[in-house]
Structures are given as structure tokens and as C-alpha cells.
Amino acid sequence: MSQSDIKSFKLRHKLNNVIILSFNKEVILYFNIRERGSKRIFNSKAELVYSGGHNDYEINLWKKLLNEKNN
């Protein structure tokens, strides 16, 4: 995922901070972690953008989920 993709995602969902972690040579976006073994992405109004399990590390899945959120 390119820097422009990350910037676009942040702007679209009004995120102030996105932490980028690598895992199995893939890029994962985290905004906030609420529970062990799961991840949550919230916008600036604390509205849930995405909630997923710990094994959702496939980059194509992330791209699909982000595209669904934009449509």
C-alpha cells in the first residue's frame, strides 16, 4: 500500500493517526486496538470504520474492505 493510499484513507475517514505495521511482508493499517486478537479502525468521531479478527492480514482483503467502505 503506497503512502498516497494511506493518506487518502486517513483523509476519507478523518483519521488523525494511523500506525503502520508490517506482518508477513504485508502492510496492515491500525488506528486503535480495543481487544486482544482483534483490530478496530475508528474515524475522528469514534465511529467504527472496520472491525476484524487477528487473522485478517491479507492485503487484498484490506484493499477490498477499504473499497467497500468508499462505495
C-alpha atoms as a PDB file:
ATOM      1  CA  MET A   1       0.000   0.000   0.000  1.00  0.00           C
ATOM      2  CA  SER A   2       1.511   3.308  -1.040  1.00  0.00           C
ATOM      3  CA  GLN A   3       1.853   6.444   1.057  1.00  0.00           C
ATOM      4  CA  SER A   4      -0.792   8.117  -1.123  1.00  0.00           C
ATOM      5  CA  ASP A   5      -3.216   5.250  -0.399  1.00  0.00           C
ATOM      6  CA  ILE A   6      -2.613   5.670   3.315  1.00  0.00           C
ATOM      7  CA  LYS A   7      -3.031   9.452   3.127  1.00  0.00           C
ATOM      8  CA  SER A   8      -6.222   9.063   1.109  1.00  0.00           C
ATOM      9  CA  PHE A   9      -7.581   6.550   3.637  1.00  0.00           C
ATOM     10  CA  LYS A  10      -6.776   8.885   6.536  1.00  0.00           C
ATOM     11  CA  LEU A  11      -8.469  11.847   4.868  1.00  0.00           C
ATOM     12  CA  ARG A  12     -11.520   9.873   3.781  1.00  0.00           C
ATOM     13  CA  HIS A  13     -12.152   8.541   7.278  1.00  0.00           C
ATOM     14  CA  LYS A  14     -10.971  11.658   9.133  1.00  0.00           C
ATOM     15  CA  LEU A  15      -8.242   9.785  10.981  1.00  0.00           C
ATOM     16  CA  ASN A  16      -5.622  11.789  12.827  1.00  0.00           C
ATOM     17  CA  ASN A  17      -3.223   8.936  13.417  1.00  0.00           C
ATOM     18  CA  VAL A  18      -2.606   5.681  11.598  1.00  0.00           C
ATOM     19  CA  ILE A  19       0.056   3.254  12.776  1.00  0.00           C
ATOM     20  CA  ILE A  20       1.526   1.135  10.002  1.00  0.00           C
ATOM     21  CA  LEU A  21       2.851  -2.290  10.928  1.00  0.00           C
ATOM     22  CA  SER A  22       4.377  -4.960   8.716  1.00  0.00           C
ATOM     23  CA  PHE A  23       3.374  -8.586   9.171  1.00  0.00           C
ATOM     24  CA  ASN A  24       4.342 -11.462   6.890  1.00  0.00           C
ATOM     25  CA  LYS A  25       5.706  -8.918   4.396  1.00  0.00           C
ATOM     26  CA  GLU A  26       2.281  -7.270   4.122  1.00  0.00           C
ATOM     27  CA  VAL A  27       1.160  -3.862   5.278  1.00  0.00           C
ATOM     28  CA  ILE A  28      -1.570  -3.588   7.896  1.00  0.00           C
ATOM     29  CA  LEU A  29      -3.353  -0.421   8.959  1.00  0.00           C
ATOM     30  CA  TYR A  30      -4.230   0.038  12.611  1.00  0.00           C
ATOM     31  CA  PHE A  31      -5.884   3.032  14.159  1.00  0.00           C
ATOM     32  CA  ASN A  32      -6.834   1.581  17.504  1.00  0.00           C
ATOM     33  CA  ILE A  33      -6.795  -1.807  19.216  1.00  0.00           C
ATOM     34  CA  ARG A  34      -9.654  -2.383  21.644  1.00  0.00           C
ATOM     35  CA  GLU A  35      -9.422  -6.117  22.302  1.00  0.00           C
ATOM     36  CA  ARG A  36      -6.593  -8.588  22.232  1.00  0.00           C
ATOM     37  CA  GLY A  37      -6.539 -10.520  18.972  1.00  0.00           C
ATOM     38  CA  SER A  38      -8.729  -8.090  17.072  1.00  0.00           C
ATOM     39  CA  LYS A  39      -8.415  -4.707  15.480  1.00  0.00           C
ATOM     40  CA  ARG A  40     -10.699  -1.743  15.132  1.00  0.00           C
ATOM     41  CA  ILE A  41     -10.413   1.298  12.892  1.00  0.00           C
ATOM     42  CA  PHE A  42     -12.280   4.394  14.070  1.00  0.00           C
ATOM     43  CA  ASN A  43     -12.781   7.798  12.493  1.00  0.00           C
ATOM     44  CA  SER A  44     -12.299  11.040  14.411  1.00  0.00           C
ATOM     45  CA  LYS A  45     -15.878  10.860  15.712  1.00  0.00           C
ATOM     46  CA  ALA A  46     -15.137   7.458  17.276  1.00  0.00           C
ATOM     47  CA  GLU A  47     -17.392   5.791  14.706  1.00  0.00           C
ATOM     48  CA  LEU A  48     -16.332   2.291  13.765  1.00  0.00           C
ATOM     49  CA  VAL A  49     -14.905   2.100  10.247  1.00  0.00           C
ATOM     50  CA  TYR A  50     -13.732  -1.524  10.384  1.00  0.00           C
ATOM     51  CA  SER A  51     -13.660  -4.335  12.903  1.00  0.00           C
ATOM     52  CA  GLY A  52     -11.776  -7.508  12.152  1.00  0.00           C
ATOM     53  CA  GLY A  53     -10.147 -10.557  13.587  1.00  0.00           C
ATOM     54  CA  HIS A  54      -6.472 -11.071  14.225  1.00  0.00           C
ATOM     55  CA  ASN A  55      -6.022 -13.235  11.099  1.00  0.00           C
ATOM     56  CA  ASP A  56      -7.215 -10.610   8.575  1.00  0.00           C
ATOM     57  CA  TYR A  57      -3.681  -9.858   7.385  1.00  0.00           C
ATOM     58  CA  GLU A  58      -4.213 -10.475   3.685  1.00  0.00           C
ATOM     59  CA  ILE A  59      -3.523  -7.186   1.891  1.00  0.00           C
ATOM     60  CA  ASN A  60      -6.066  -7.947  -0.842  1.00  0.00           C
ATOM     61  CA  LEU A  61      -8.732  -8.336   1.827  1.00  0.00           C
ATOM     62  CA  TRP A  62      -7.788  -4.943   3.239  1.00  0.00           C
ATOM     63  CA  LYS A  63      -7.998  -3.343  -0.196  1.00  0.00           C
ATOM     64  CA  LYS A  64     -11.410  -4.918  -0.736  1.00  0.00           C
ATOM     65  CA  LEU A  65     -12.667  -3.744   2.662  1.00  0.00           C
ATOM     66  CA  LEU A  66     -11.398  -0.206   2.112  1.00  0.00           C
ATOM     67  CA  ASN A  67     -13.024  -0.088  -1.325  1.00  0.00           C
ATOM     68  CA  GLU A  68     -16.327  -1.269   0.152  1.00  0.00           C
ATOM     69  CA  LYS A  69     -16.183   1.487   2.753  1.00  0.00           C
ATOM     70  CA  ASN A  70     -15.712   4.080  -0.011  1.00  0.00           C
ATOM     71  CA  ASN A  71     -18.682   2.953  -2.094  1.00  0.00           C
END
